[in-house]
PDB file of all heavy atoms in Angstrom:
ATOM      1  N   LEU A   1      -6.473   2.524   8.534  1.00  0.00           N
ATOM      2  CA  LEU A   1      -5.614   1.345   8.192  1.00  0.00           C
ATOM      3  C   LEU A   1      -4.313   1.430   8.990  1.00  0.00           C
ATOM      4  O   LEU A   1      -3.662   2.490   8.920  1.00  0.00           O
ATOM      5  CB  LEU A   1      -5.310   1.365   6.684  1.00  0.00           C
ATOM      6  CG  LEU A   1      -4.630   0.187   6.120  1.00  0.00           C
ATOM      7  CD1 LEU A   1      -5.375  -1.082   6.285  1.00  0.00           C
ATOM      8  CD2 LEU A   1      -4.399   0.404   4.610  1.00  0.00           C
ATOM      9  N   ARG A   2      -3.983   0.409   9.655  1.00  0.00           N
ATOM     10  CA  ARG A   2      -2.756   0.354  10.439  1.00  0.00           C
ATOM     11  C   ARG A   2      -1.827  -0.707   9.776  1.00  0.00           C
ATOM     12  O   ARG A   2      -2.129  -1.868   9.857  1.00  0.00           O
ATOM     13  CB  ARG A   2      -2.995  -0.012  11.863  1.00  0.00           C
ATOM     14  CG  ARG A   2      -3.821   1.025  12.600  1.00  0.00           C
ATOM     15  CD  ARG A   2      -3.825   0.712  14.104  1.00  0.00           C
ATOM     16  NE  ARG A   2      -4.660   1.617  14.831  1.00  0.00           N
ATOM     17  CZ  ARG A   2      -4.301   2.863  15.224  1.00  0.00           C
ATOM     18  NH1 ARG A   2      -3.113   3.264  14.984  1.00  0.00           N
ATOM     19  NH2 ARG A   2      -5.115   3.573  15.892  1.00  0.00           N
ATOM     20  N   ILE A   3      -0.780  -0.218   9.180  1.00  0.00           N
ATOM     21  CA  ILE A   3       0.221  -1.098   8.641  1.00  0.00           C
ATOM     22  C   ILE A   3       1.587  -0.541   8.836  1.00  0.00           C
ATOM     23  O   ILE A   3       1.732   0.648   9.097  1.00  0.00           O
ATOM     24  CB  ILE A   3      -0.016  -1.328   7.069  1.00  0.00           C
ATOM     25  CG1 ILE A   3       0.028  -0.012   6.298  1.00  0.00           C
ATOM     26  CG2 ILE A   3      -1.321  -2.004   6.777  1.00  0.00           C
ATOM     27  CD1 ILE A   3       0.040  -0.146   4.821  1.00  0.00           C
ATOM     28  N   GLN A   4       2.584  -1.399   8.740  1.00  0.00           N
ATOM     29  CA  GLN A   4       3.966  -0.931   8.950  1.00  0.00           C
ATOM     30  C   GLN A   4       4.389  -0.062   7.773  1.00  0.00           C
ATOM     31  O   GLN A   4       4.075  -0.400   6.622  1.00  0.00           O
ATOM     32  CB  GLN A   4       4.901  -2.168   8.982  1.00  0.00           C
ATOM     33  CG  GLN A   4       4.683  -3.020  10.168  1.00  0.00           C
ATOM     34  CD  GLN A   4       5.087  -2.371  11.495  1.00  0.00           C
ATOM     35  OE1 GLN A   4       6.036  -1.559  11.553  1.00  0.00           O
ATOM     36  NE2 GLN A   4       4.363  -2.628  12.516  1.00  0.00           N
ATOM     37  N   ARG A   5       5.048   1.031   8.045  1.00  0.00           N
ATOM     38  CA  ARG A   5       5.539   1.937   6.947  1.00  0.00           C
ATOM     39  C   ARG A   5       6.435   1.203   5.981  1.00  0.00           C
ATOM     40  O   ARG A   5       6.446   1.523   4.782  1.00  0.00           O
ATOM     41  CB  ARG A   5       6.215   3.152   7.526  1.00  0.00           C
ATOM     42  CG  ARG A   5       5.389   4.046   8.470  1.00  0.00           C
ATOM     43  CD  ARG A   5       4.367   4.813   7.603  1.00  0.00           C
ATOM     44  NE  ARG A   5       3.790   5.895   8.367  1.00  0.00           N
ATOM     45  CZ  ARG A   5       2.673   5.879   9.043  1.00  0.00           C
ATOM     46  NH1 ARG A   5       2.005   4.781   9.048  1.00  0.00           N
ATOM     47  NH2 ARG A   5       2.230   6.931   9.680  1.00  0.00           N
ATOM     48  N   SER A   6       7.140   0.188   6.447  1.00  0.00           N
ATOM     49  CA  SER A   6       8.052  -0.539   5.556  1.00  0.00           C
ATOM     50  C   SER A   6       7.290  -1.278   4.495  1.00  0.00           C
ATOM     51  O   SER A   6       7.841  -1.572   3.432  1.00  0.00           O
ATOM     52  CB  SER A   6       8.897  -1.544   6.408  1.00  0.00           C
ATOM     53  OG  SER A   6       8.051  -2.451   7.022  1.00  0.00           O
ATOM     54  N   GLU A   7       6.016  -1.591   4.706  1.00  0.00           N
ATOM     55  CA  GLU A   7       5.193  -2.230   3.698  1.00  0.00           C
ATOM     56  C   GLU A   7       4.854  -1.313   2.512  1.00  0.00           C
ATOM     57  O   GLU A   7       4.352  -1.732   1.461  1.00  0.00           O
ATOM     58  CB  GLU A   7       3.918  -2.805   4.315  1.00  0.00           C
ATOM     59  CG  GLU A   7       4.107  -3.839   5.313  1.00  0.00           C
ATOM     60  CD  GLU A   7       2.841  -4.353   5.873  1.00  0.00           C
ATOM     61  OE1 GLU A   7       1.995  -4.859   5.052  1.00  0.00           O
ATOM     62  OE2 GLU A   7       2.683  -4.366   7.085  1.00  0.00           O
ATOM     63  N   LEU A   8       5.191  -0.009   2.667  1.00  0.00           N
ATOM     64  CA  LEU A   8       4.811   0.958   1.676  1.00  0.00           C
ATOM     65  C   LEU A   8       6.001   1.349   0.772  1.00  0.00           C
ATOM     66  O   LEU A   8       5.888   2.274  -0.015  1.00  0.00           O
ATOM     67  CB  LEU A   8       4.231   2.183   2.307  1.00  0.00           C
ATOM     68  CG  LEU A   8       2.989   1.966   3.152  1.00  0.00           C
ATOM     69  CD1 LEU A   8       2.584   3.236   3.908  1.00  0.00           C
ATOM     70  CD2 LEU A   8       1.862   1.426   2.308  1.00  0.00           C
ATOM     71  N   PHE A   9       7.139   0.638   0.883  1.00  0.00           N
ATOM     72  CA  PHE A   9       8.328   0.987   0.129  1.00  0.00           C
ATOM     73  C   PHE A   9       8.291   0.563  -1.306  1.00  0.00           C
ATOM     74  O   PHE A   9       9.018   1.047  -2.150  1.00  0.00           O
ATOM     75  CB  PHE A   9       9.607   0.458   0.792  1.00  0.00           C
ATOM     76  CG  PHE A   9       9.965   1.149   2.064  1.00  0.00           C
ATOM     77  CD1 PHE A   9      10.466   0.433   3.154  1.00  0.00           C
ATOM     78  CD2 PHE A   9       9.805   2.529   2.224  1.00  0.00           C
ATOM     79  CE1 PHE A   9      10.769   1.056   4.300  1.00  0.00           C
ATOM     80  CE2 PHE A   9      10.080   3.153   3.446  1.00  0.00           C
ATOM     81  CZ  PHE A   9      10.561   2.402   4.482  1.00  0.00           C
ATOM     82  N   GLY A  10       7.440  -0.411  -1.653  1.00  0.00           N
ATOM     83  CA  GLY A  10       7.443  -0.985  -3.023  1.00  0.00           C
ATOM     84  C   GLY A  10       6.886  -0.139  -4.119  1.00  0.00           C
ATOM     85  O   GLY A  10       7.449  -0.068  -5.201  1.00  0.00           O
ATOM     86  N   PRO A  11       5.764   0.582  -3.930  1.00  0.00           N
ATOM     87  CA  PRO A  11       5.115   1.253  -5.015  1.00  0.00           C
ATOM     88  C   PRO A  11       6.021   2.397  -5.608  1.00  0.00           C
ATOM     89  O   PRO A  11       6.710   3.102  -4.849  1.00  0.00           O
ATOM     90  CB  PRO A  11       3.896   1.905  -4.372  1.00  0.00           C
ATOM     91  CG  PRO A  11       3.642   1.107  -3.164  1.00  0.00           C
ATOM     92  CD  PRO A  11       4.979   0.645  -2.676  1.00  0.00           C
ATOM     93  N   GLN A  12       6.025   2.425  -6.959  1.00  0.00           N
ATOM     94  CA  GLN A  12       6.805   3.413  -7.629  1.00  0.00           C
ATOM     95  C   GLN A  12       6.074   4.666  -8.027  1.00  0.00           C
ATOM     96  O   GLN A  12       6.682   5.684  -8.487  1.00  0.00           O
ATOM     97  CB  GLN A  12       7.415   2.796  -8.956  1.00  0.00           C
ATOM     98  CG  GLN A  12       8.309   1.580  -8.658  1.00  0.00           C
ATOM     99  CD  GLN A  12       9.542   1.971  -7.823  1.00  0.00           C
ATOM    100  OE1 GLN A  12      10.268   2.860  -8.253  1.00  0.00           O
ATOM    101  NE2 GLN A  12       9.776   1.267  -6.762  1.00  0.00           N
ATOM    102  N   ASN A  13       4.736   4.626  -7.936  1.00  0.00           N
ATOM    103  CA  ASN A  13       3.924   5.797  -8.259  1.00  0.00           C
ATOM    104  C   ASN A  13       2.655   5.790  -7.481  1.00  0.00           C
ATOM    105  O   ASN A  13       2.368   4.863  -6.680  1.00  0.00           O
ATOM    106  CB  ASN A  13       3.699   5.812  -9.793  1.00  0.00           C
ATOM    107  CG  ASN A  13       2.964   4.581 -10.303  1.00  0.00           C
ATOM    108  OD1 ASN A  13       1.994   4.097  -9.688  1.00  0.00           O
ATOM    109  ND2 ASN A  13       3.477   4.023 -11.407  1.00  0.00           N
ATOM    110  N   ILE A  14       1.876   6.800  -7.611  1.00  0.00           N
ATOM    111  CA  ILE A  14       0.662   7.006  -6.797  1.00  0.00           C
ATOM    112  C   ILE A  14      -0.362   5.903  -7.118  1.00  0.00           C
ATOM    113  O   ILE A  14      -1.006   5.405  -6.194  1.00  0.00           O
ATOM    114  CB  ILE A  14       0.031   8.383  -7.022  1.00  0.00           C
ATOM    115  CG1 ILE A  14       1.018   9.462  -6.558  1.00  0.00           C
ATOM    116  CG2 ILE A  14      -1.266   8.517  -6.310  1.00  0.00           C
ATOM    117  CD1 ILE A  14       0.608  10.897  -6.937  1.00  0.00           C
ATOM    118  N   GLY A  15      -0.448   5.506  -8.341  1.00  0.00           N
ATOM    119  CA  GLY A  15      -1.408   4.430  -8.701  1.00  0.00           C
ATOM    120  C   GLY A  15      -1.055   3.097  -8.028  1.00  0.00           C
ATOM    121  O   GLY A  15      -1.900   2.381  -7.518  1.00  0.00           O
ATOM    122  N   GLU A  16       0.247   2.768  -8.000  1.00  0.00           N
ATOM    123  CA  GLU A  16       0.661   1.542  -7.349  1.00  0.00           C
ATOM    124  C   GLU A  16       0.413   1.592  -5.849  1.00  0.00           C
ATOM    125  O   GLU A  16       0.084   0.615  -5.224  1.00  0.00           O
ATOM    126  CB  GLU A  16       2.158   1.235  -7.651  1.00  0.00           C
ATOM    127  CG  GLU A  16       2.407   0.855  -9.084  1.00  0.00           C
ATOM    128  CD  GLU A  16       3.905   0.628  -9.363  1.00  0.00           C
ATOM    129  OE1 GLU A  16       4.739   0.588  -8.437  1.00  0.00           O
ATOM    130  OE2 GLU A  16       4.202   0.487 -10.522  1.00  0.00           O
ATOM    131  N   LEU A  17       0.615   2.785  -5.276  1.00  0.00           N
ATOM    132  CA  LEU A  17       0.369   2.984  -3.869  1.00  0.00           C
ATOM    133  C   LEU A  17      -1.142   2.733  -3.580  1.00  0.00           C
ATOM    134  O   LEU A  17      -1.509   2.082  -2.642  1.00  0.00           O
ATOM    135  CB  LEU A  17       0.796   4.405  -3.407  1.00  0.00           C
ATOM    136  CG  LEU A  17       0.468   4.741  -1.972  1.00  0.00           C
ATOM    137  CD1 LEU A  17       1.141   3.798  -0.946  1.00  0.00           C
ATOM    138  CD2 LEU A  17       0.873   6.173  -1.684  1.00  0.00           C
ATOM    139  N   ALA A  18      -2.004   3.303  -4.430  1.00  0.00           N
ATOM    140  CA  ALA A  18      -3.444   3.127  -4.208  1.00  0.00           C
ATOM    141  C   ALA A  18      -3.781   1.655  -4.327  1.00  0.00           C
ATOM    142  O   ALA A  18      -4.622   1.171  -3.527  1.00  0.00           O
ATOM    143  CB  ALA A  18      -4.197   3.958  -5.313  1.00  0.00           C
ATOM    144  N   ASP A  19      -3.238   0.941  -5.274  1.00  0.00           N
ATOM    145  CA  ASP A  19      -3.494  -0.471  -5.434  1.00  0.00           C
ATOM    146  C   ASP A  19      -3.017  -1.264  -4.221  1.00  0.00           C
ATOM    147  O   ASP A  19      -3.745  -2.156  -3.715  1.00  0.00           O
ATOM    148  CB  ASP A  19      -2.788  -1.027  -6.722  1.00  0.00           C
ATOM    149  CG  ASP A  19      -3.386  -0.468  -7.982  1.00  0.00           C
ATOM    150  OD1 ASP A  19      -4.496   0.051  -7.947  1.00  0.00           O
ATOM    151  OD2 ASP A  19      -2.687  -0.577  -9.040  1.00  0.00           O
ATOM    152  N   LEU A  20      -1.826  -0.910  -3.694  1.00  0.00           N
ATOM    153  CA  LEU A  20      -1.340  -1.602  -2.469  1.00  0.00           C
ATOM    154  C   LEU A  20      -2.245  -1.377  -1.304  1.00  0.00           C
ATOM    155  O   LEU A  20      -2.575  -2.337  -0.564  1.00  0.00           O
ATOM    156  CB  LEU A  20       0.107  -1.104  -2.175  1.00  0.00           C
ATOM    157  CG  LEU A  20       0.689  -1.717  -0.893  1.00  0.00           C
ATOM    158  CD1 LEU A  20       1.043  -3.179  -1.045  1.00  0.00           C
ATOM    159  CD2 LEU A  20       1.873  -0.872  -0.468  1.00  0.00           C
ATOM    160  N   LEU A  21      -2.635  -0.131  -1.092  1.00  0.00           N
ATOM    161  CA  LEU A  21      -3.504   0.170   0.045  1.00  0.00           C
ATOM    162  C   LEU A  21      -4.875  -0.506  -0.117  1.00  0.00           C
ATOM    163  O   LEU A  21      -5.450  -0.983   0.889  1.00  0.00           O
ATOM    164  CB  LEU A  21      -3.639   1.683   0.198  1.00  0.00           C
ATOM    165  CG  LEU A  21      -2.391   2.443   0.626  1.00  0.00           C
ATOM    166  CD1 LEU A  21      -2.630   3.921   0.595  1.00  0.00           C
ATOM    167  CD2 LEU A  21      -1.930   1.972   1.961  1.00  0.00           C
ATOM    168  N   ASN A  22      -5.333  -0.573  -1.344  1.00  0.00           N
ATOM    169  CA  ASN A  22      -6.597  -1.271  -1.602  1.00  0.00           C
ATOM    170  C   ASN A  22      -6.455  -2.767  -1.226  1.00  0.00           C
ATOM    171  O   ASN A  22      -7.347  -3.358  -0.615  1.00  0.00           O
ATOM    172  CB  ASN A  22      -7.015  -1.155  -3.088  1.00  0.00           C
ATOM    173  CG  ASN A  22      -8.365  -1.680  -3.341  1.00  0.00           C
ATOM    174  OD1 ASN A  22      -9.294  -1.465  -2.604  1.00  0.00           O
ATOM    175  ND2 ASN A  22      -8.490  -2.418  -4.419  1.00  0.00           N
ATOM    176  N   ALA A  23      -5.363  -3.412  -1.568  1.00  0.00           N
ATOM    177  CA  ALA A  23      -5.113  -4.767  -1.240  1.00  0.00           C
ATOM    178  C   ALA A  23      -5.010  -4.946   0.275  1.00  0.00           C
ATOM    179  O   ALA A  23      -5.555  -5.925   0.883  1.00  0.00           O
ATOM    180  CB  ALA A  23      -3.833  -5.291  -1.892  1.00  0.00           C
ATOM    181  N   LYS A  24      -4.346  -3.998   0.975  1.00  0.00           N
ATOM    182  CA  LYS A  24      -4.221  -4.075   2.438  1.00  0.00           C
ATOM    183  C   LYS A  24      -5.607  -3.931   3.124  1.00  0.00           C
ATOM    184  O   LYS A  24      -5.862  -4.573   4.088  1.00  0.00           O
ATOM    185  CB  LYS A  24      -3.276  -3.019   2.953  1.00  0.00           C
ATOM    186  CG  LYS A  24      -1.819  -3.227   2.494  1.00  0.00           C
ATOM    187  CD  LYS A  24      -1.226  -4.452   3.084  1.00  0.00           C
ATOM    188  CE  LYS A  24       0.180  -4.620   2.643  1.00  0.00           C
ATOM    189  NZ  LYS A  24       0.726  -5.877   3.196  1.00  0.00           N
ATOM    190  N   LEU A  25      -6.453  -3.092   2.528  1.00  0.00           N
ATOM    191  CA  LEU A  25      -7.797  -2.955   3.104  1.00  0.00           C
ATOM    192  C   LEU A  25      -8.532  -4.259   2.973  1.00  0.00           C
ATOM    193  O   LEU A  25      -9.321  -4.621   3.876  1.00  0.00           O
ATOM    194  CB  LEU A  25      -8.592  -1.858   2.410  1.00  0.00           C
ATOM    195  CG  LEU A  25      -8.332  -0.405   2.901  1.00  0.00           C
ATOM    196  CD1 LEU A  25      -9.083   0.548   1.970  1.00  0.00           C
ATOM    197  CD2 LEU A  25      -8.799  -0.260   4.318  1.00  0.00           C
ATOM    198  N   GLY A  26      -8.321  -4.942   1.896  1.00  0.00           N
ATOM    199  CA  GLY A  26      -9.014  -6.221   1.675  1.00  0.00           C
ATOM    200  C   GLY A  26      -8.559  -7.294   2.625  1.00  0.00           C
ATOM    201  O   GLY A  26      -9.283  -8.246   2.916  1.00  0.00           O
ATOM    202  N   GLN A  27      -7.384  -7.152   3.156  1.00  0.00           N
ATOM    203  CA  GLN A  27      -6.788  -8.160   4.103  1.00  0.00           C
ATOM    204  C   GLN A  27      -7.208  -7.865   5.533  1.00  0.00           C
ATOM    205  O   GLN A  27      -7.158  -8.788   6.350  1.00  0.00           O
ATOM    206  CB  GLN A  27      -5.258  -8.113   4.006  1.00  0.00           C
ATOM    207  CG  GLN A  27      -4.704  -8.580   2.740  1.00  0.00           C
ATOM    208  CD  GLN A  27      -3.217  -8.440   2.676  1.00  0.00           C
ATOM    209  OE1 GLN A  27      -2.559  -7.991   3.610  1.00  0.00           O
ATOM    210  NE2 GLN A  27      -2.654  -8.778   1.513  1.00  0.00           N
TER     211      GLN A  27
END
């Protein structure tokens, strides 16, 4: 997965990070 690191600043915990990456994979 290639995304800007700045897109990863939102998640507050590991679960939110996993959810964000899952959404990015879907895109």
